[in-house]
Amino acid sequence: RKQCAIEKYILAFGSGFAGLIVALIILFIANLTKMNEFTSVELIESI
């Protein structure tokens, strides 16, 4: 039961970071194509 409980936290935090990575990839593409530009300060603040 301990493993069942801990697994839910690993899944939730891991999925959250996966969402961050997917968003970062798309955002960098948008930034390179000048469609949605942002600064490094805004990036740090957002995270």
All heavy atoms as atom14 arrays in JSON, in Angstrom:
{
  "sequence": "RKQCAIEKYILAFGSGFAGLIVALIILFIANLTKMNEFTSVELIESI",
  "atom14_mask": [
    [1, 1, 1, 1, 1, 1, 1, 1, 1, 1, 1, 0, 0, 0],
    [1, 1, 1, 1, 1, 1, 1, 1, 1, 0, 0, 0, 0, 0],
    [1, 1, 1, 1, 1, 1, 1, 1, 1, 0, 0, 0, 0, 0],
    [1, 1, 1, 1, 1, 1, 0, 0, 0, 0, 0, 0, 0, 0],
    [1, 1, 1, 1, 1, 0, 0, 0, 0, 0, 0, 0, 0, 0],
    [1, 1, 1, 1, 1, 1, 1, 1, 0, 0, 0, 0, 0, 0],
    [1, 1, 1, 1, 1, 1, 1, 1, 1, 0, 0, 0, 0, 0],
    [1, 1, 1, 1, 1, 1, 1, 1, 1, 0, 0, 0, 0, 0],
    [1, 1, 1, 1, 1, 1, 1, 1, 1, 1, 1, 1, 0, 0],
    [1, 1, 1, 1, 1, 1, 1, 1, 0, 0, 0, 0, 0, 0],
    [1, 1, 1, 1, 1, 1, 1, 1, 0, 0, 0, 0, 0, 0],
    [1, 1, 1, 1, 1, 0, 0, 0, 0, 0, 0, 0, 0, 0],
    [1, 1, 1, 1, 1, 1, 1, 1, 1, 1, 1, 0, 0, 0],
    [1, 1, 1, 1, 0, 0, 0, 0, 0, 0, 0, 0, 0, 0],
    [1, 1, 1, 1, 1, 1, 0, 0, 0, 0, 0, 0, 0, 0],
    [1, 1, 1, 1, 0, 0, 0, 0, 0, 0, 0, 0, 0, 0],
    [1, 1, 1, 1, 1, 1, 1, 1, 1, 1, 1, 0, 0, 0],
    [1, 1, 1, 1, 1, 0, 0, 0, 0, 0, 0, 0, 0, 0],
    [1, 1, 1, 1, 0, 0, 0, 0, 0, 0, 0, 0, 0, 0],
    [1, 1, 1, 1, 1, 1, 1, 1, 0, 0, 0, 0, 0, 0],
    [1, 1, 1, 1, 1, 1, 1, 1, 0, 0, 0, 0, 0, 0],
    [1, 1, 1, 1, 1, 1, 1, 0, 0, 0, 0, 0, 0, 0],
    [1, 1, 1, 1, 1, 0, 0, 0, 0, 0, 0, 0, 0, 0],
    [1, 1, 1, 1, 1, 1, 1, 1, 0, 0, 0, 0, 0, 0],
    [1, 1, 1, 1, 1, 1, 1, 1, 0, 0, 0, 0, 0, 0],
    [1, 1, 1, 1, 1, 1, 1, 1, 0, 0, 0, 0, 0, 0],
    [1, 1, 1, 1, 1, 1, 1, 1, 0, 0, 0, 0, 0, 0],
    [1, 1, 1, 1, 1, 1, 1, 1, 1, 1, 1, 0, 0, 0],
    [1, 1, 1, 1, 1, 1, 1, 1, 0, 0, 0, 0, 0, 0],
    [1, 1, 1, 1, 1, 0, 0, 0, 0, 0, 0, 0, 0, 0],
    [1, 1, 1, 1, 1, 1, 1, 1, 0, 0, 0, 0, 0, 0],
    [1, 1, 1, 1, 1, 1, 1, 1, 0, 0, 0, 0, 0, 0],
    [1, 1, 1, 1, 1, 1, 1, 0, 0, 0, 0, 0, 0, 0],
    [1, 1, 1, 1, 1, 1, 1, 1, 1, 0, 0, 0, 0, 0],
    [1, 1, 1, 1, 1, 1, 1, 1, 0, 0, 0, 0, 0, 0],
    [1, 1, 1, 1, 1, 1, 1, 1, 0, 0, 0, 0, 0, 0],
    [1, 1, 1, 1, 1, 1, 1, 1, 1, 0, 0, 0, 0, 0],
    [1, 1, 1, 1, 1, 1, 1, 1, 1, 1, 1, 0, 0, 0],
    [1, 1, 1, 1, 1, 1, 1, 0, 0, 0, 0, 0, 0, 0],
    [1, 1, 1, 1, 1, 1, 0, 0, 0, 0, 0, 0, 0, 0],
    [1, 1, 1, 1, 1, 1, 1, 0, 0, 0, 0, 0, 0, 0],
    [1, 1, 1, 1, 1, 1, 1, 1, 1, 0, 0, 0, 0, 0],
    [1, 1, 1, 1, 1, 1, 1, 1, 0, 0, 0, 0, 0, 0],
    [1, 1, 1, 1, 1, 1, 1, 1, 0, 0, 0, 0, 0, 0],
    [1, 1, 1, 1, 1, 1, 1, 1, 1, 0, 0, 0, 0, 0],
    [1, 1, 1, 1, 1, 1, 0, 0, 0, 0, 0, 0, 0, 0],
    [1, 1, 1, 1, 1, 1, 1, 1, 0, 0, 0, 0, 0, 0]
  ],
  "atom14_positions": [
    [[0.84, -1.2, 0.0], [0.0, 0.0, 0.0], [0.87, 1.26, 0.0], [0.49, 2.28, -0.56], [-0.93, -0.02, 1.22], [-1.94, -1.17, 1.16], [-2.8, -1.23, 2.39], [-3.69, -2.38, 2.3], [-5.02, -2.36, 2.45], [-5.62, -1.21, 2.7], [-5.75, -3.45, 2.36], [0.0, 0.0, 0.0], [0.0, 0.0, 0.0], [0.0, 0.0, 0.0]],
    [[2.02, 1.18, 0.64], [2.96, 2.31, 0.65], [3.41, 2.63, -0.77], [3.47, 3.8, -1.16], [4.15, 1.97, 1.54], [5.2, 3.07, 1.61], [6.34, 2.66, 2.53], [7.4, 3.76, 2.6], [8.52, 3.36, 3.5], [0.0, 0.0, 0.0], [0.0, 0.0, 0.0], [0.0, 0.0, 0.0], [0.0, 0.0, 0.0], [0.0, 0.0, 0.0]],
    [[3.72, 1.6, -1.54], [4.14, 1.8, -2.92], [3.02, 2.4, -3.76], [3.26, 3.26, -4.61], [4.6, 0.48, -3.54], [5.93, -0.02, -3.0], [6.28, -1.4, -3.54], [5.41, -2.23, -3.76], [7.56, -1.64, -3.75], [0.0, 0.0, 0.0], [0.0, 0.0, 0.0], [0.0, 0.0, 0.0], [0.0, 0.0, 0.0], [0.0, 0.0, 0.0]],
    [[1.79, 1.95, -3.52], [0.63, 2.48, -4.25], [0.46, 3.98, -3.99], [0.13, 4.75, -4.91], [-0.64, 1.74, -3.84], [-0.74, 0.04, -4.42], [0.0, 0.0, 0.0], [0.0, 0.0, 0.0], [0.0, 0.0, 0.0], [0.0, 0.0, 0.0], [0.0, 0.0, 0.0], [0.0, 0.0, 0.0], [0.0, 0.0, 0.0], [0.0, 0.0, 0.0]],
    [[0.68, 4.39, -2.75], [0.54, 5.81, -2.4], [1.66, 6.64, -3.02], [1.39, 7.68, -3.66], [0.54, 5.97, -0.89], [0.0, 0.0, 0.0], [0.0, 0.0, 0.0], [0.0, 0.0, 0.0], [0.0, 0.0, 0.0], [0.0, 0.0, 0.0], [0.0, 0.0, 0.0], [0.0, 0.0, 0.0], [0.0, 0.0, 0.0], [0.0, 0.0, 0.0]],
    [[2.89, 6.2, -2.86], [4.04, 6.96, -3.36], [3.99, 7.06, -4.88], [4.34, 8.11, -5.47], [5.35, 6.31, -2.9], [5.48, 6.43, -1.37], [6.56, 6.95, -3.58], [6.67, 5.69, -0.79], [0.0, 0.0, 0.0], [0.0, 0.0, 0.0], [0.0, 0.0, 0.0], [0.0, 0.0, 0.0], [0.0, 0.0, 0.0], [0.0, 0.0, 0.0]],
    [[3.53, 6.0, -5.55], [3.47, 6.0, -7.02], [2.61, 7.13, -7.56], [2.92, 7.72, -8.6], [2.95, 4.64, -7.48], [2.85, 4.5, -9.0], [1.48, 4.88, -9.55], [0.51, 4.87, -8.76], [1.37, 5.21, -10.74], [0.0, 0.0, 0.0], [0.0, 0.0, 0.0], [0.0, 0.0, 0.0], [0.0, 0.0, 0.0], [0.0, 0.0, 0.0]],
    [[1.53, 7.45, -6.86], [0.64, 8.52, -7.33], [1.35, 9.88, -7.31], [1.13, 10.72, -8.2], [-0.61, 8.59, -6.45], [-1.55, 7.4, -6.61], [-2.08, 7.29, -8.02], [-3.03, 6.12, -8.17], [-3.48, 5.93, -9.58], [0.0, 0.0, 0.0], [0.0, 0.0, 0.0], [0.0, 0.0, 0.0], [0.0, 0.0, 0.0], [0.0, 0.0, 0.0]],
    [[2.2, 10.09, -6.33], [2.96, 11.35, -6.27], [4.01, 11.4, -7.38], [4.19, 12.45, -8.03], [3.63, 11.49, -4.9], [2.66, 11.77, -3.78], [2.07, 10.73, -3.08], [2.31, 13.07, -3.43], [1.17, 10.97, -2.06], [1.42, 13.32, -2.41], [0.84, 12.26, -1.73], [-0.05, 12.51, -0.72], [0.0, 0.0, 0.0], [0.0, 0.0, 0.0]],
    [[4.7, 10.28, -7.59], [5.7, 10.24, -8.67], [5.03, 10.51, -10.01], [5.55, 11.27, -10.85], [6.41, 8.87, -8.68], [7.23, 8.68, -7.4], [7.33, 8.75, -9.9], [7.82, 7.3, -7.24], [0.0, 0.0, 0.0], [0.0, 0.0, 0.0], [0.0, 0.0, 0.0], [0.0, 0.0, 0.0], [0.0, 0.0, 0.0], [0.0, 0.0, 0.0]],
    [[3.86, 9.9, -10.22], [3.13, 10.09, -11.47], [2.69, 11.54, -11.64], [2.86, 12.13, -12.71], [1.9, 9.17, -11.49], [1.04, 9.26, -12.75], [1.74, 8.61, -13.93], [-0.32, 8.58, -12.51], [0.0, 0.0, 0.0], [0.0, 0.0, 0.0], [0.0, 0.0, 0.0], [0.0, 0.0, 0.0], [0.0, 0.0, 0.0], [0.0, 0.0, 0.0]],
    [[2.14, 12.12, -10.57], [1.63, 13.5, -10.65], [2.76, 14.5, -10.91], [2.65, 15.36, -11.8], [0.9, 13.86, -9.36], [0.0, 0.0, 0.0], [0.0, 0.0, 0.0], [0.0, 0.0, 0.0], [0.0, 0.0, 0.0], [0.0, 0.0, 0.0], [0.0, 0.0, 0.0], [0.0, 0.0, 0.0], [0.0, 0.0, 0.0], [0.0, 0.0, 0.0]],
    [[3.84, 14.4, -10.15], [4.96, 15.33, -10.35], [5.64, 15.1, -11.69], [6.03, 16.04, -12.38], [5.97, 15.18, -9.2], [5.39, 15.52, -7.85], [5.85, 14.88, -6.7], [4.39, 16.45, -7.71], [5.31, 15.18, -5.45], [3.84, 16.76, -6.47], [4.31, 16.12, -5.34], [0.0, 0.0, 0.0], [0.0, 0.0, 0.0], [0.0, 0.0, 0.0]],
    [[5.79, 13.81, -12.07], [6.4, 13.5, -13.36], [5.58, 14.02, -14.52], [6.12, 14.55, -15.49], [0.0, 0.0, 0.0], [0.0, 0.0, 0.0], [0.0, 0.0, 0.0], [0.0, 0.0, 0.0], [0.0, 0.0, 0.0], [0.0, 0.0, 0.0], [0.0, 0.0, 0.0], [0.0, 0.0, 0.0], [0.0, 0.0, 0.0], [0.0, 0.0, 0.0]],
    [[4.26, 13.9, -14.42], [3.38, 14.39, -15.48], [3.43, 15.91, -15.57], [3.36, 16.48, -16.66], [1.94, 13.94, -15.23], [1.84, 12.53, -15.28], [0.0, 0.0, 0.0], [0.0, 0.0, 0.0], [0.0, 0.0, 0.0], [0.0, 0.0, 0.0], [0.0, 0.0, 0.0], [0.0, 0.0, 0.0], [0.0, 0.0, 0.0], [0.0, 0.0, 0.0]],
    [[3.53, 16.56, -14.41], [3.65, 18.01, -14.4], [4.92, 18.48, -15.1], [4.89, 19.43, -15.9], [0.0, 0.0, 0.0], [0.0, 0.0, 0.0], [0.0, 0.0, 0.0], [0.0, 0.0, 0.0], [0.0, 0.0, 0.0], [0.0, 0.0, 0.0], [0.0, 0.0, 0.0], [0.0, 0.0, 0.0], [0.0, 0.0, 0.0], [0.0, 0.0, 0.0]],
    [[6.03, 17.79, -14.83], [7.29, 18.15, -15.49], [7.25, 17.79, -16.98], [7.86, 18.48, -17.8], [8.46, 17.45, -14.81], [8.9, 18.12, -13.54], [8.7, 17.51, -12.31], [9.49, 19.38, -13.56], [9.09, 18.14, -11.13], [9.88, 20.02, -12.38], [9.67, 19.39, -11.17], [0.0, 0.0, 0.0], [0.0, 0.0, 0.0], [0.0, 0.0, 0.0]],
    [[6.52, 16.72, -17.33], [6.36, 16.38, -18.75], [5.59, 17.49, -19.47], [5.94, 17.87, -20.6], [5.62, 15.05, -18.89], [0.0, 0.0, 0.0], [0.0, 0.0, 0.0], [0.0, 0.0, 0.0], [0.0, 0.0, 0.0], [0.0, 0.0, 0.0], [0.0, 0.0, 0.0], [0.0, 0.0, 0.0], [0.0, 0.0, 0.0], [0.0, 0.0, 0.0]],
    [[4.56, 18.03, -18.8], [3.83, 19.16, -19.37], [4.73, 20.37, -19.56], [4.63, 21.08, -20.57], [0.0, 0.0, 0.0], [0.0, 0.0, 0.0], [0.0, 0.0, 0.0], [0.0, 0.0, 0.0], [0.0, 0.0, 0.0], [0.0, 0.0, 0.0], [0.0, 0.0, 0.0], [0.0, 0.0, 0.0], [0.0, 0.0, 0.0], [0.0, 0.0, 0.0]],
    [[5.63, 20.59, -18.61], [6.6, 21.69, -18.71], [7.51, 21.5, -19.92], [7.74, 22.44, -20.7], [7.43, 21.76, -17.43], [8.66, 22.69, -17.45], [8.22, 24.14, -17.63], [9.46, 22.52, -16.17], [0.0, 0.0, 0.0], [0.0, 0.0, 0.0], [0.0, 0.0, 0.0], [0.0, 0.0, 0.0], [0.0, 0.0, 0.0], [0.0, 0.0, 0.0]],
    [[8.02, 20.28, -20.11], [8.94, 20.0, -21.22], [8.25, 20.19, -22.57], [8.8, 20.81, -23.49], [9.52, 18.58, -21.08], [10.45, 18.51, -19.86], [10.29, 18.19, -22.34], [10.87, 17.12, -19.48], [0.0, 0.0, 0.0], [0.0, 0.0, 0.0], [0.0, 0.0, 0.0], [0.0, 0.0, 0.0], [0.0, 0.0, 0.0], [0.0, 0.0, 0.0]],
    [[7.02, 19.65, -22.69], [6.26, 19.79, -23.95], [6.03, 21.27, -24.26], [6.23, 21.72, -25.39], [4.91, 19.05, -23.85], [4.02, 19.4, -25.04], [5.14, 17.55, -23.78], [0.0, 0.0, 0.0], [0.0, 0.0, 0.0], [0.0, 0.0, 0.0], [0.0, 0.0, 0.0], [0.0, 0.0, 0.0], [0.0, 0.0, 0.0], [0.0, 0.0, 0.0]],
    [[5.62, 22.03, -23.23], [5.37, 23.46, -23.43], [6.65, 24.19, -23.82], [6.62, 25.08, -24.69], [4.78, 24.05, -22.16], [0.0, 0.0, 0.0], [0.0, 0.0, 0.0], [0.0, 0.0, 0.0], [0.0, 0.0, 0.0], [0.0, 0.0, 0.0], [0.0, 0.0, 0.0], [0.0, 0.0, 0.0], [0.0, 0.0, 0.0], [0.0, 0.0, 0.0]],
    [[7.77, 23.85, -23.18], [9.04, 24.51, -23.49], [9.45, 24.26, -24.94], [9.92, 25.19, -25.62], [10.14, 24.02, -22.54], [10.13, 24.6, -21.13], [11.18, 23.92, -20.27], [10.37, 26.1, -21.15], [0.0, 0.0, 0.0], [0.0, 0.0, 0.0], [0.0, 0.0, 0.0], [0.0, 0.0, 0.0], [0.0, 0.0, 0.0], [0.0, 0.0, 0.0]],
    [[9.28, 23.04, -25.42], [9.65, 22.72, -26.8], [8.84, 23.56, -27.78], [9.38, 24.18, -28.71], [9.43, 21.21, -27.08], [10.44, 20.38, -26.28], [9.58, 20.91, -28.58], [10.18, 18.88, -26.32], [0.0, 0.0, 0.0], [0.0, 0.0, 0.0], [0.0, 0.0, 0.0], [0.0, 0.0, 0.0], [0.0, 0.0, 0.0], [0.0, 0.0, 0.0]],
    [[7.52, 23.62, -27.54], [6.65, 24.39, -28.45], [6.95, 25.89, -28.32], [6.98, 26.62, -29.32], [5.17, 24.11, -28.14], [4.87, 22.63, -28.33], [4.26, 24.95, -29.04], [3.46, 22.23, -27.92], [0.0, 0.0, 0.0], [0.0, 0.0, 0.0], [0.0, 0.0, 0.0], [0.0, 0.0, 0.0], [0.0, 0.0, 0.0], [0.0, 0.0, 0.0]],
    [[7.21, 26.35, -27.1], [7.5, 27.77, -26.89], [8.79, 28.19, -27.56], [8.88, 29.29, -28.12], [7.56, 28.07, -25.39], [6.21, 28.23, -24.68], [6.4, 28.22, -23.17], [5.51, 29.52, -25.11], [0.0, 0.0, 0.0], [0.0, 0.0, 0.0], [0.0, 0.0, 0.0], [0.0, 0.0, 0.0], [0.0, 0.0, 0.0], [0.0, 0.0, 0.0]],
    [[9.81, 27.33, -27.5], [11.08, 27.68, -28.16], [10.91, 27.73, -29.68], [11.52, 28.56, -30.35], [12.17, 26.68, -27.76], [12.78, 26.97, -26.42], [12.75, 26.05, -25.4], [13.41, 28.19, -26.17], [13.31, 26.32, -24.16], [13.98, 28.48, -24.94], [13.92, 27.54, -23.93], [0.0, 0.0, 0.0], [0.0, 0.0, 0.0], [0.0, 0.0, 0.0]],
    [[10.06, 26.84, -30.21], [9.77, 26.9, -31.65], [9.04, 28.21, -31.96], [9.36, 28.89, -32.95], [8.9, 25.68, -32.07], [9.71, 24.39, -31.92], [8.42, 25.86, -33.52], [8.89, 23.13, -32.15], [0.0, 0.0, 0.0], [0.0, 0.0, 0.0], [0.0, 0.0, 0.0], [0.0, 0.0, 0.0], [0.0, 0.0, 0.0], [0.0, 0.0, 0.0]],
    [[8.08, 28.56, -31.13], [7.33, 29.82, -31.33], [8.27, 31.02, -31.21], [8.13, 32.01, -31.94], [6.21, 29.92, -30.31], [0.0, 0.0, 0.0], [0.0, 0.0, 0.0], [0.0, 0.0, 0.0], [0.0, 0.0, 0.0], [0.0, 0.0, 0.0], [0.0, 0.0, 0.0], [0.0, 0.0, 0.0], [0.0, 0.0, 0.0], [0.0, 0.0, 0.0]],
    [[9.22, 30.95, -30.29], [10.17, 32.05, -30.1], [11.11, 32.19, -31.3], [11.4, 33.3, -31.75], [10.98, 31.81, -28.83], [11.8, 33.03, -28.43], [11.29, 34.14, -28.37], [13.08, 32.83, -28.16], [0.0, 0.0, 0.0], [0.0, 0.0, 0.0], [0.0, 0.0, 0.0], [0.0, 0.0, 0.0], [0.0, 0.0, 0.0], [0.0, 0.0, 0.0]],
    [[11.56, 31.04, -31.83], [12.47, 31.06, -32.98], [11.77, 31.59, -34.23], [12.4, 32.25, -35.06], [13.01, 29.65, -33.25], [14.04, 29.12, -32.23], [14.35, 27.66, -32.51], [15.32, 29.95, -32.27], [0.0, 0.0, 0.0], [0.0, 0.0, 0.0], [0.0, 0.0, 0.0], [0.0, 0.0, 0.0], [0.0, 0.0, 0.0], [0.0, 0.0, 0.0]],
    [[10.49, 31.3, -34.36], [9.74, 31.76, -35.53], [9.13, 33.16, -35.33], [8.37, 33.64, -36.16], [8.59, 30.77, -35.85], [7.76, 30.62, -34.69], [9.15, 29.42, -36.25], [0.0, 0.0, 0.0], [0.0, 0.0, 0.0], [0.0, 0.0, 0.0], [0.0, 0.0, 0.0], [0.0, 0.0, 0.0], [0.0, 0.0, 0.0], [0.0, 0.0, 0.0]],
    [[9.48, 33.79, -34.18], [9.02, 35.15, -33.86], [7.5, 35.24, -33.68], [6.92, 36.33, -33.74], [9.44, 36.14, -34.97], [10.91, 36.1, -35.33], [11.79, 36.54, -34.18], [13.27, 36.58, -34.59], [14.17, 36.97, -33.47], [0.0, 0.0, 0.0], [0.0, 0.0, 0.0], [0.0, 0.0, 0.0], [0.0, 0.0, 0.0], [0.0, 0.0, 0.0]],
    [[6.84, 34.11, -33.43], [5.38, 34.11, -33.27], [4.96, 34.34, -31.82], [3.83, 34.75, -31.55], [4.79, 32.79, -33.78], [5.0, 32.58, -35.27], [4.27, 31.03, -35.86], [2.53, 31.39, -35.7], [0.0, 0.0, 0.0], [0.0, 0.0, 0.0], [0.0, 0.0, 0.0], [0.0, 0.0, 0.0], [0.0, 0.0, 0.0], [0.0, 0.0, 0.0]],
    [[5.86, 34.07, -30.89], [5.56, 34.31, -29.47], [6.9, 34.45, -28.74], [7.44, 33.49, -28.2], [4.74, 33.17, -28.88], [4.18, 33.53, -27.51], [4.37, 34.64, -27.0], [3.49, 32.59, -26.89], [0.0, 0.0, 0.0], [0.0, 0.0, 0.0], [0.0, 0.0, 0.0], [0.0, 0.0, 0.0], [0.0, 0.0, 0.0], [0.0, 0.0, 0.0]],
    [[7.42, 35.66, -28.73], [8.74, 35.9, -28.16], [8.67, 36.11, -26.65], [7.68, 36.62, -26.12], [9.37, 37.11, -28.83], [9.63, 36.9, -30.33], [10.28, 38.1, -30.97], [9.57, 39.08, -31.25], [11.51, 38.06, -31.16], [0.0, 0.0, 0.0], [0.0, 0.0, 0.0], [0.0, 0.0, 0.0], [0.0, 0.0, 0.0], [0.0, 0.0, 0.0]],
    [[9.75, 35.71, -25.97], [9.84, 35.9, -24.52], [11.31, 36.02, -24.13], [12.2, 35.64, -24.9], [9.18, 34.72, -23.78], [9.75, 33.37, -24.13], [10.84, 32.85, -23.46], [9.19, 32.62, -25.15], [11.37, 31.61, -23.78], [9.7, 31.37, -25.48], [10.79, 30.87, -24.79], [0.0, 0.0, 0.0], [0.0, 0.0, 0.0], [0.0, 0.0, 0.0]],
    [[11.55, 36.54, -22.94], [12.91, 36.72, -22.45], [13.26, 35.62, -21.45], [12.37, 34.9, -20.96], [13.06, 38.08, -21.77], [12.23, 38.11, -20.58], [12.65, 39.21, -22.71], [0.0, 0.0, 0.0], [0.0, 0.0, 0.0], [0.0, 0.0, 0.0], [0.0, 0.0, 0.0], [0.0, 0.0, 0.0], [0.0, 0.0, 0.0], [0.0, 0.0, 0.0]],
    [[14.52, 35.5, -21.14], [14.97, 34.5, -20.16], [14.42, 34.81, -18.77], [14.12, 33.9, -17.99], [16.5, 34.45, -20.11], [17.04, 35.72, -19.8], [0.0, 0.0, 0.0], [0.0, 0.0, 0.0], [0.0, 0.0, 0.0], [0.0, 0.0, 0.0], [0.0, 0.0, 0.0], [0.0, 0.0, 0.0], [0.0, 0.0, 0.0], [0.0, 0.0, 0.0]],
    [[14.25, 36.11, -18.46], [13.67, 36.5, -17.17], [12.24, 36.01, -17.06], [11.81, 35.46, -16.03], [13.74, 38.03, -16.99], [12.99, 38.45, -15.72], [15.19, 38.5, -16.93], [0.0, 0.0, 0.0], [0.0, 0.0, 0.0], [0.0, 0.0, 0.0], [0.0, 0.0, 0.0], [0.0, 0.0, 0.0], [0.0, 0.0, 0.0], [0.0, 0.0, 0.0]],
    [[11.46, 36.19, -18.14], [10.07, 35.71, -18.15], [10.0, 34.2, -18.03], [9.1, 33.66, -17.38], [9.38, 36.16, -19.45], [9.12, 37.66, -19.52], [8.55, 38.09, -20.85], [8.92, 37.46, -21.88], [7.75, 39.04, -20.89], [0.0, 0.0, 0.0], [0.0, 0.0, 0.0], [0.0, 0.0, 0.0], [0.0, 0.0, 0.0], [0.0, 0.0, 0.0]],
    [[10.97, 33.53, -18.64], [11.02, 32.06, -18.56], [11.22, 31.61, -17.12], [10.51, 30.73, -16.61], [12.15, 31.54, -19.45], [12.41, 30.02, -19.4], [11.18, 29.26, -19.87], [13.63, 29.67, -20.23], [0.0, 0.0, 0.0], [0.0, 0.0, 0.0], [0.0, 0.0, 0.0], [0.0, 0.0, 0.0], [0.0, 0.0, 0.0], [0.0, 0.0, 0.0]],
    [[12.19, 32.22, -16.43], [12.48, 31.86, -15.04], [11.28, 32.19, -14.13], [10.9, 31.41, -13.27], [13.75, 32.58, -14.55], [14.97, 32.08, -15.33], [13.95, 32.37, -13.05], [16.23, 32.87, -15.09], [0.0, 0.0, 0.0], [0.0, 0.0, 0.0], [0.0, 0.0, 0.0], [0.0, 0.0, 0.0], [0.0, 0.0, 0.0], [0.0, 0.0, 0.0]],
    [[10.69, 33.36, -14.35], [9.53, 33.76, -13.55], [8.37, 32.78, -13.74], [7.69, 32.41, -12.78], [9.07, 35.17, -13.95], [9.99, 36.27, -13.46], [9.52, 37.64, -13.92], [8.59, 37.7, -14.77], [10.07, 38.66, -13.44], [0.0, 0.0, 0.0], [0.0, 0.0, 0.0], [0.0, 0.0, 0.0], [0.0, 0.0, 0.0], [0.0, 0.0, 0.0]],
    [[8.15, 32.34, -14.98], [7.05, 31.43, -15.28], [7.24, 30.08, -14.59], [6.29, 29.51, -14.03], [6.92, 31.22, -16.79], [6.72, 32.46, -17.43], [0.0, 0.0, 0.0], [0.0, 0.0, 0.0], [0.0, 0.0, 0.0], [0.0, 0.0, 0.0], [0.0, 0.0, 0.0], [0.0, 0.0, 0.0], [0.0, 0.0, 0.0], [0.0, 0.0, 0.0]],
    [[8.46, 29.56, -14.62], [8.74, 28.28, -13.97], [8.6, 28.43, -12.46], [8.07, 27.53, -11.78], [10.15, 27.78, -14.35], [10.2, 27.47, -15.85], [10.52, 26.55, -13.53], [11.58, 27.09, -16.35], [0.0, 0.0, 0.0], [0.0, 0.0, 0.0], [0.0, 0.0, 0.0], [0.0, 0.0, 0.0], [0.0, 0.0, 0.0], [0.0, 0.0, 0.0]]
  ]
}
